Amino acid sequence: MIEPDLRDRILAEPERLLEDRDVMNALVCANDRSLGANIVDLRGIAMQRLESRLDRLEDTHRSVIAAAYENLAGTNQVHRAVLTLLEPTNFESFIKALTGEVAQTLRVDTVRLVLETLQDDPDTDPTLRRLGEVLQVAPAGFVGHYLTNGRNGPGRQIVLRSITSLAPTLYGERAEDIQSEALMKLDLGPNRLPGMLVFASEDPTQFKSTHGTDLLSFFAGVFERSMRRWLG
């Protein structure tokens, strides 16, 4: 027999038993044992299936919420990075912001800006020497070759991937540390060769081909419009 005090508490607040999943599971199991091995409790089976469905729905709900928060955090990061890019009043400050605060905000380890040129020896430009290795001038066709990893084809506007054998041509000695990269092809305006903005990470999972590219497309769009202004 149940202790009188416990019995009275259950009768007074039966809903508390219904809200406790562990207690309800124990009651259902006790009921199954009392029925014996030769009795099939269809109601108990239905409850188990409903409980399994509920668990799956809760897992899906948590996954959707986590993805929404992650997307919101990424959106806020890109918005802060864009605002930072709009502040500089000269090109050198613009590049310094890109490799400094913008890179920190977006949590990337290395930034490269590639501009194609038809000049034979662009390295003699004193501006390029002042900006350091972040700004790289390459021969015509380099951007398309790097985006497609040396394969023929038009290439996508945004490419997320693991590092390839072409990495040393872009990162030099740092190529040994880089594990993944985000490549953004830049349209710098009519009668100008294309450019490419590169974010690279030592984390192999930061940029994967399965990730979405909407935020990077937005950032690249803002960046290439700023570049047109500086080049003009």
C-alpha atoms as a PDB file:
ATOM      1  CA  MET A   1       0.000   0.000   0.000  1.00  0.00           C
ATOM      2  CA  ILE A   2       1.108   3.578  -0.700  1.00  0.00           C
ATOM      3  CA  GLU A   3       1.906   5.680   2.327  1.00  0.00           C
ATOM      4  CA  PRO A   4      -1.164   7.800   3.194  1.00  0.00           C
ATOM      5  CA  ASP A   5       0.735  11.080   2.992  1.00  0.00           C
ATOM      6  CA  LEU A   6       2.148  10.242  -0.451  1.00  0.00           C
ATOM      7  CA  ARG A   7      -1.272   9.038  -1.648  1.00  0.00           C
ATOM      8  CA  ASP A   8      -2.921  12.255  -0.499  1.00  0.00           C
ATOM      9  CA  ARG A   9      -0.280  14.385  -2.265  1.00  0.00           C
ATOM     10  CA  ILE A  10      -0.759  12.457  -5.522  1.00  0.00           C
ATOM     11  CA  LEU A  11      -4.526  12.801  -5.355  1.00  0.00           C
ATOM     12  CA  ALA A  12      -4.217  16.502  -4.549  1.00  0.00           C
ATOM     13  CA  GLU A  13      -1.834  17.284  -7.455  1.00  0.00           C
ATOM     14  CA  PRO A  14      -2.079  14.483 -10.056  1.00  0.00           C
ATOM     15  CA  GLU A  15      -0.923  16.815 -12.833  1.00  0.00           C
ATOM     16  CA  ARG A  16       2.569  16.886 -11.315  1.00  0.00           C
ATOM     17  CA  LEU A  17       2.928  13.184 -12.134  1.00  0.00           C
ATOM     18  CA  LEU A  18       1.850  13.802 -15.714  1.00  0.00           C
ATOM     19  CA  GLU A  19       4.470  16.531 -16.118  1.00  0.00           C
ATOM     20  CA  ASP A  20       7.332  14.323 -14.902  1.00  0.00           C
ATOM     21  CA  ARG A  21       8.547  12.199 -17.832  1.00  0.00           C
ATOM     22  CA  ASP A  22      10.680   9.846 -15.720  1.00  0.00           C
ATOM     23  CA  VAL A  23       7.797   9.072 -13.383  1.00  0.00           C
ATOM     24  CA  MET A  24       5.425   8.437 -16.293  1.00  0.00           C
ATOM     25  CA  ASN A  25       7.942   6.130 -17.962  1.00  0.00           C
ATOM     26  CA  ALA A  26       8.292   4.171 -14.749  1.00  0.00           C
ATOM     27  CA  LEU A  27       4.495   3.838 -14.447  1.00  0.00           C
ATOM     28  CA  VAL A  28       4.169   2.653 -18.055  1.00  0.00           C
ATOM     29  CA  CYS A  29       6.939   0.083 -17.568  1.00  0.00           C
ATOM     30  CA  ALA A  30       5.321  -1.145 -14.350  1.00  0.00           C
ATOM     31  CA  ASN A  31       2.010  -1.493 -16.183  1.00  0.00           C
ATOM     32  CA  ASP A  32       3.691  -3.528 -18.963  1.00  0.00           C
ATOM     33  CA  ARG A  33       5.253  -5.872 -16.424  1.00  0.00           C
ATOM     34  CA  SER A  34       1.911  -6.381 -14.690  1.00  0.00           C
ATOM     35  CA  LEU A  35       0.268  -7.402 -17.981  1.00  0.00           C
ATOM     36  CA  GLY A  36       2.704 -10.263 -18.535  1.00  0.00           C
ATOM     37  CA  ALA A  37       4.554 -11.429 -21.629  1.00  0.00           C
ATOM     38  CA  ASN A  38       1.460 -12.696 -23.452  1.00  0.00           C
ATOM     39  CA  ILE A  39      -0.386  -9.349 -23.521  1.00  0.00           C
ATOM     40  CA  VAL A  40       0.348  -6.619 -26.072  1.00  0.00           C
ATOM     41  CA  ASP A  41      -0.495  -3.133 -24.833  1.00  0.00           C
ATOM     42  CA  LEU A  42      -1.249  -1.175 -28.022  1.00  0.00           C
ATOM     43  CA  ARG A  43      -1.783   2.014 -26.087  1.00  0.00           C
ATOM     44  CA  GLY A  44       1.680   1.679 -24.512  1.00  0.00           C
ATOM     45  CA  ILE A  45       3.253   1.093 -27.931  1.00  0.00           C
ATOM     46  CA  ALA A  46       1.485   4.149 -29.318  1.00  0.00           C
ATOM     47  CA  MET A  47       2.737   6.236 -26.409  1.00  0.00           C
ATOM     48  CA  GLN A  48       6.312   5.087 -27.017  1.00  0.00           C
ATOM     49  CA  ARG A  49       6.075   6.056 -30.667  1.00  0.00           C
ATOM     50  CA  LEU A  50       4.610   9.431 -29.814  1.00  0.00           C
ATOM     51  CA  GLU A  51       7.380   9.999 -27.297  1.00  0.00           C
ATOM     52  CA  SER A  52      10.015   9.155 -29.911  1.00  0.00           C
ATOM     53  CA  ARG A  53       8.415  11.591 -32.332  1.00  0.00           C
ATOM     54  CA  LEU A  54       8.369  14.273 -29.665  1.00  0.00           C
ATOM     55  CA  ASP A  55      12.077  13.727 -28.953  1.00  0.00           C
ATOM     56  CA  ARG A  56      12.886  14.078 -32.661  1.00  0.00           C
ATOM     57  CA  LEU A  57      10.802  17.254 -32.906  1.00  0.00           C
ATOM     58  CA  GLU A  58      12.570  18.742 -29.889  1.00  0.00           C
ATOM     59  CA  ASP A  59      15.982  17.928 -31.400  1.00  0.00           C
ATOM     60  CA  THR A  60      14.944  19.534 -34.694  1.00  0.00           C
ATOM     61  CA  HIS A  61      13.604  22.575 -32.846  1.00  0.00           C
ATOM     62  CA  ARG A  62      16.897  23.025 -30.997  1.00  0.00           C
ATOM     63  CA  SER A  63      18.869  22.651 -34.234  1.00  0.00           C
ATOM     64  CA  VAL A  64      16.748  25.256 -36.013  1.00  0.00           C
ATOM     65  CA  ILE A  65      17.138  27.732 -33.139  1.00  0.00           C
ATOM     66  CA  ALA A  66      20.910  27.165 -33.018  1.00  0.00           C
ATOM     67  CA  ALA A  67      21.199  27.714 -36.773  1.00  0.00           C
ATOM     68  CA  ALA A  68      19.119  30.893 -36.536  1.00  0.00           C
ATOM     69  CA  TYR A  69      21.337  32.304 -33.774  1.00  0.00           C
ATOM     70  CA  GLU A  70      24.471  31.391 -35.737  1.00  0.00           C
ATOM     71  CA  ASN A  71      23.132  33.084 -38.852  1.00  0.00           C
ATOM     72  CA  LEU A  72      22.193  36.180 -36.870  1.00  0.00           C
ATOM     73  CA  ALA A  73      25.663  36.339 -35.334  1.00  0.00           C
ATOM     74  CA  GLY A  74      27.247  36.025 -38.784  1.00  0.00           C
ATOM     75  CA  THR A  75      25.026  38.779 -40.148  1.00  0.00           C
ATOM     76  CA  ASN A  76      26.006  41.109 -37.305  1.00  0.00           C
ATOM     77  CA  GLN A  77      29.698  40.379 -37.914  1.00  0.00           C
ATOM     78  CA  VAL A  78      29.442  41.216 -41.617  1.00  0.00           C
ATOM     79  CA  HIS A  79      27.503  44.418 -40.895  1.00  0.00           C
ATOM     80  CA  ARG A  80      30.182  45.582 -38.437  1.00  0.00           C
ATOM     81  CA  ALA A  81      32.902  44.750 -40.963  1.00  0.00           C
ATOM     82  CA  VAL A  82      31.126  46.733 -43.691  1.00  0.00           C
ATOM     83  CA  LEU A  83      30.771  49.785 -41.445  1.00  0.00           C
ATOM     84  CA  THR A  84      34.486  49.579 -40.679  1.00  0.00           C
ATOM     85  CA  LEU A  85      35.317  49.558 -44.391  1.00  0.00           C
ATOM     86  CA  LEU A  86      33.279  52.700 -45.010  1.00  0.00           C
ATOM     87  CA  GLU A  87      35.199  54.820 -42.491  1.00  0.00           C
ATOM     88  CA  PRO A  88      38.712  55.268 -44.067  1.00  0.00           C
ATOM     89  CA  THR A  89      39.415  58.456 -46.011  1.00  0.00           C
ATOM     90  CA  ASN A  90      42.364  57.145 -48.065  1.00  0.00           C
ATOM     91  CA  PHE A  91      43.310  53.890 -49.738  1.00  0.00           C
ATOM     92  CA  GLU A  92      46.111  52.955 -47.367  1.00  0.00           C
ATOM     93  CA  SER A  93      43.796  53.317 -44.369  1.00  0.00           C
ATOM     94  CA  PHE A  94      41.209  51.267 -46.253  1.00  0.00           C
ATOM     95  CA  ILE A  95      43.665  48.380 -46.706  1.00  0.00           C
ATOM     96  CA  LYS A  96      44.861  48.690 -43.118  1.00  0.00           C
ATOM     97  CA  ALA A  97      41.265  48.431 -41.875  1.00  0.00           C
ATOM     98  CA  LEU A  98      40.733  45.382 -44.077  1.00  0.00           C
ATOM     99  CA  THR A  99      43.688  43.504 -42.628  1.00  0.00           C
ATOM    100  CA  GLY A 100      43.130  44.756 -39.086  1.00  0.00           C
ATOM    101  CA  GLU A 101      39.698  45.342 -37.603  1.00  0.00           C
ATOM    102  CA  VAL A 102      37.756  43.723 -40.446  1.00  0.00           C
ATOM    103  CA  ALA A 103      39.846  40.545 -40.302  1.00  0.00           C
ATOM    104  CA  GLN A 104      39.427  40.399 -36.521  1.00  0.00           C
ATOM    105  CA  THR A 105      35.676  40.939 -36.734  1.00  0.00           C
ATOM    106  CA  LEU A 106      35.265  38.170 -39.314  1.00  0.00           C
ATOM    107  CA  ARG A 107      37.784  35.945 -37.494  1.00  0.00           C
ATOM    108  CA  VAL A 108      40.040  35.259 -40.458  1.00  0.00           C
ATOM    109  CA  ASP A 109      43.786  34.698 -40.156  1.00  0.00           C
ATOM    110  CA  THR A 110      44.983  36.024 -43.514  1.00  0.00           C
ATOM    111  CA  VAL A 111      43.620  38.493 -46.067  1.00  0.00           C
ATOM    112  CA  ARG A 112      44.745  38.907 -49.662  1.00  0.00           C
ATOM    113  CA  LEU A 113      43.576  41.389 -52.279  1.00  0.00           C
ATOM    114  CA  VAL A 114      44.573  40.387 -55.808  1.00  0.00           C
ATOM    115  CA  LEU A 115      44.482  42.863 -58.687  1.00  0.00           C
ATOM    116  CA  GLU A 116      45.254  41.786 -62.227  1.00  0.00           C
ATOM    117  CA  THR A 117      47.422  43.989 -64.417  1.00  0.00           C
ATOM    118  CA  LEU A 118      48.946  44.111 -67.902  1.00  0.00           C
ATOM    119  CA  GLN A 119      52.146  45.782 -66.657  1.00  0.00           C
ATOM    120  CA  ASP A 120      55.380  43.840 -66.974  1.00  0.00           C
ATOM    121  CA  ASP A 121      56.855  44.857 -63.626  1.00  0.00           C
ATOM    122  CA  PRO A 122      54.175  46.183 -61.222  1.00  0.00           C
ATOM    123  CA  ASP A 123      56.331  45.570 -58.136  1.00  0.00           C
ATOM    124  CA  THR A 124      58.206  48.793 -58.815  1.00  0.00           C
ATOM    125  CA  ASP A 125      55.145  50.808 -57.749  1.00  0.00           C
ATOM    126  CA  PRO A 126      56.033  52.424 -54.371  1.00  0.00           C
ATOM    127  CA  THR A 127      52.395  52.277 -53.226  1.00  0.00           C
ATOM    128  CA  LEU A 128      52.397  48.500 -53.529  1.00  0.00           C
ATOM    129  CA  ARG A 129      55.571  48.240 -51.484  1.00  0.00           C
ATOM    130  CA  ARG A 130      54.047  50.336 -48.695  1.00  0.00           C
ATOM    131  CA  LEU A 131      50.922  48.164 -48.512  1.00  0.00           C
ATOM    132  CA  GLY A 132      52.906  44.973 -48.028  1.00  0.00           C
ATOM    133  CA  GLU A 133      51.918  41.440 -48.972  1.00  0.00           C
ATOM    134  CA  VAL A 134      48.161  41.933 -48.495  1.00  0.00           C
ATOM    135  CA  LEU A 135      47.887  43.614 -51.919  1.00  0.00           C
ATOM    136  CA  GLN A 136      49.171  41.373 -54.676  1.00  0.00           C
ATOM    137  CA  VAL A 137      49.329  42.244 -58.358  1.00  0.00           C
ATOM    138  CA  ALA A 138      49.045  39.312 -60.738  1.00  0.00           C
ATOM    139  CA  PRO A 139      49.077  38.846 -64.530  1.00  0.00           C
ATOM    140  CA  ALA A 140      45.808  38.823 -66.462  1.00  0.00           C
ATOM    141  CA  GLY A 141      43.949  35.545 -66.062  1.00  0.00           C
ATOM    142  CA  PHE A 142      45.302  34.731 -62.592  1.00  0.00           C
ATOM    143  CA  VAL A 143      41.968  35.240 -60.803  1.00  0.00           C
ATOM    144  CA  GLY A 144      40.054  32.840 -63.030  1.00  0.00           C
ATOM    145  CA  HIS A 145      42.871  30.283 -62.870  1.00  0.00           C
ATOM    146  CA  TYR A 146      42.980  30.379 -59.069  1.00  0.00           C
ATOM    147  CA  LEU A 147      39.194  30.301 -58.628  1.00  0.00           C
ATOM    148  CA  THR A 148      38.846  27.156 -60.757  1.00  0.00           C
ATOM    149  CA  ASN A 149      42.023  25.570 -59.372  1.00  0.00           C
ATOM    150  CA  GLY A 150      43.568  25.501 -62.823  1.00  0.00           C
ATOM    151  CA  ARG A 151      40.575  23.935 -64.566  1.00  0.00           C
ATOM    152  CA  ASN A 152      38.842  25.400 -67.584  1.00  0.00           C
ATOM    153  CA  GLY A 153      35.485  27.012 -66.891  1.00  0.00           C
ATOM    154  CA  PRO A 154      33.902  30.291 -65.870  1.00  0.00           C
ATOM    155  CA  GLY A 155      34.194  29.712 -62.102  1.00  0.00           C
ATOM    156  CA  ARG A 156      31.769  30.825 -59.417  1.00  0.00           C
ATOM    157  CA  GLN A 157      31.600  34.302 -57.915  1.00  0.00           C
ATOM    158  CA  ILE A 158      32.157  32.955 -54.382  1.00  0.00           C
ATOM    159  CA  VAL A 159      34.241  29.833 -53.721  1.00  0.00           C
ATOM    160  CA  LEU A 160      34.661  28.198 -50.302  1.00  0.00           C
ATOM    161  CA  ARG A 161      37.124  25.325 -50.138  1.00  0.00           C
ATOM    162  CA  SER A 162      40.047  23.602 -48.493  1.00  0.00           C
ATOM    163  CA  ILE A 163      43.498  24.719 -49.473  1.00  0.00           C
ATOM    164  CA  THR A 164      44.830  23.577 -52.869  1.00  0.00           C
ATOM    165  CA  SER A 165      48.226  23.151 -54.497  1.00  0.00           C
ATOM    166  CA  LEU A 166      47.986  26.734 -55.810  1.00  0.00           C
ATOM    167  CA  ALA A 167      48.168  28.183 -52.284  1.00  0.00           C
ATOM    168  CA  PRO A 168      51.911  29.040 -52.354  1.00  0.00           C
ATOM    169  CA  THR A 169      51.327  31.404 -55.288  1.00  0.00           C
ATOM    170  CA  LEU A 170      49.058  33.488 -53.055  1.00  0.00           C
ATOM    171  CA  TYR A 171      50.241  32.990 -49.484  1.00  0.00           C
ATOM    172  CA  GLY A 172      53.942  32.299 -49.942  1.00  0.00           C
ATOM    173  CA  GLU A 173      55.474  30.808 -46.782  1.00  0.00           C
ATOM    174  CA  ARG A 174      52.152  31.158 -44.933  1.00  0.00           C
ATOM    175  CA  ALA A 175      50.615  28.492 -47.200  1.00  0.00           C
ATOM    176  CA  GLU A 176      51.773  25.788 -44.773  1.00  0.00           C
ATOM    177  CA  ASP A 177      49.495  27.190 -42.064  1.00  0.00           C
ATOM    178  CA  ILE A 178      46.406  27.902 -44.184  1.00  0.00           C
ATOM    179  CA  GLN A 179      43.746  25.168 -44.205  1.00  0.00           C
ATOM    180  CA  SER A 180      40.654  26.746 -45.811  1.00  0.00           C
ATOM    181  CA  GLU A 181      39.857  29.832 -47.859  1.00  0.00           C
ATOM    182  CA  ALA A 182      36.997  31.991 -49.100  1.00  0.00           C
ATOM    183  CA  LEU A 183      37.523  33.460 -52.582  1.00  0.00           C
ATOM    184  CA  MET A 184      35.452  36.412 -53.785  1.00  0.00           C
ATOM    185  CA  LYS A 185      35.743  37.523 -57.396  1.00  0.00           C
ATOM    186  CA  LEU A 186      35.532  41.304 -57.765  1.00  0.00           C
ATOM    187  CA  ASP A 187      34.049  43.271 -60.634  1.00  0.00           C
ATOM    188  CA  LEU A 188      36.043  46.496 -60.598  1.00  0.00           C
ATOM    189  CA  GLY A 189      34.105  48.254 -63.318  1.00  0.00           C
ATOM    190  CA  PRO A 190      34.123  48.590 -67.106  1.00  0.00           C
ATOM    191  CA  ASN A 191      37.456  48.341 -68.938  1.00  0.00           C
ATOM    192  CA  ARG A 192      39.155  46.994 -65.812  1.00  0.00           C
ATOM    193  CA  LEU A 193      40.539  43.521 -65.179  1.00  0.00           C
ATOM    194  CA  PRO A 194      38.878  41.537 -62.380  1.00  0.00           C
ATOM    195  CA  GLY A 195      40.173  41.322 -58.843  1.00  0.00           C
ATOM    196  CA  MET A 196      39.821  38.834 -56.010  1.00  0.00           C
ATOM    197  CA  LEU A 197      39.409  39.218 -52.271  1.00  0.00           C
ATOM    198  CA  VAL A 198      40.593  36.241 -50.230  1.00  0.00           C
ATOM    199  CA  PHE A 199      39.884  35.319 -46.615  1.00  0.00           C
ATOM    200  CA  ALA A 200      42.005  32.436 -45.333  1.00  0.00           C
ATOM    201  CA  SER A 201      41.877  30.493 -42.094  1.00  0.00           C
ATOM    202  CA  GLU A 202      44.045  28.018 -40.234  1.00  0.00           C
ATOM    203  CA  ASP A 203      40.814  26.213 -39.290  1.00  0.00           C
ATOM    204  CA  PRO A 204      39.972  23.566 -41.921  1.00  0.00           C
ATOM    205  CA  THR A 205      36.241  23.813 -41.115  1.00  0.00           C
ATOM    206  CA  GLN A 206      35.831  27.601 -41.293  1.00  0.00           C
ATOM    207  CA  PHE A 207      35.260  27.686 -45.061  1.00  0.00           C
ATOM    208  CA  LYS A 208      33.610  24.632 -46.589  1.00  0.00           C
ATOM    209  CA  SER A 209      31.830  24.173 -49.901  1.00  0.00           C
ATOM    210  CA  THR A 210      28.638  23.214 -48.036  1.00  0.00           C
ATOM    211  CA  HIS A 211      28.409  26.582 -46.245  1.00  0.00           C
ATOM    212  CA  GLY A 212      26.115  29.358 -47.424  1.00  0.00           C
ATOM    213  CA  THR A 213      27.598  32.277 -49.355  1.00  0.00           C
ATOM    214  CA  ASP A 214      24.903  34.971 -49.058  1.00  0.00           C
ATOM    215  CA  LEU A 215      26.735  37.040 -46.435  1.00  0.00           C
ATOM    216  CA  LEU A 216      30.042  36.839 -48.283  1.00  0.00           C
ATOM    217  CA  SER A 217      28.297  37.846 -51.512  1.00  0.00           C
ATOM    218  CA  PHE A 218      26.947  40.924 -49.753  1.00  0.00           C
ATOM    219  CA  PHE A 219      30.359  41.778 -48.299  1.00  0.00           C
ATOM    220  CA  ALA A 220      32.056  41.299 -51.680  1.00  0.00           C
ATOM    221  CA  GLY A 221      29.468  43.570 -53.307  1.00  0.00           C
ATOM    222  CA  VAL A 222      30.196  46.362 -50.832  1.00  0.00           C
ATOM    223  CA  PHE A 223      33.934  45.822 -51.119  1.00  0.00           C
ATOM    224  CA  GLU A 224      34.073  45.935 -54.922  1.00  0.00           C
ATOM    225  CA  ARG A 225      32.032  49.150 -54.997  1.00  0.00           C
ATOM    226  CA  SER A 226      34.469  50.711 -52.534  1.00  0.00           C
ATOM    227  CA  MET A 227      37.362  49.537 -54.696  1.00  0.00           C
ATOM    228  CA  ARG A 228      35.830  51.187 -57.779  1.00  0.00           C
ATOM    229  CA  ARG A 229      35.743  54.444 -55.849  1.00  0.00           C
ATOM    230  CA  TRP A 230      39.413  54.165 -54.849  1.00  0.00           C
ATOM    231  CA  LEU A 231      40.537  53.104 -58.327  1.00  0.00           C
ATOM    232  CA  GLY A 232      38.569  55.958 -59.839  1.00  0.00           C
END
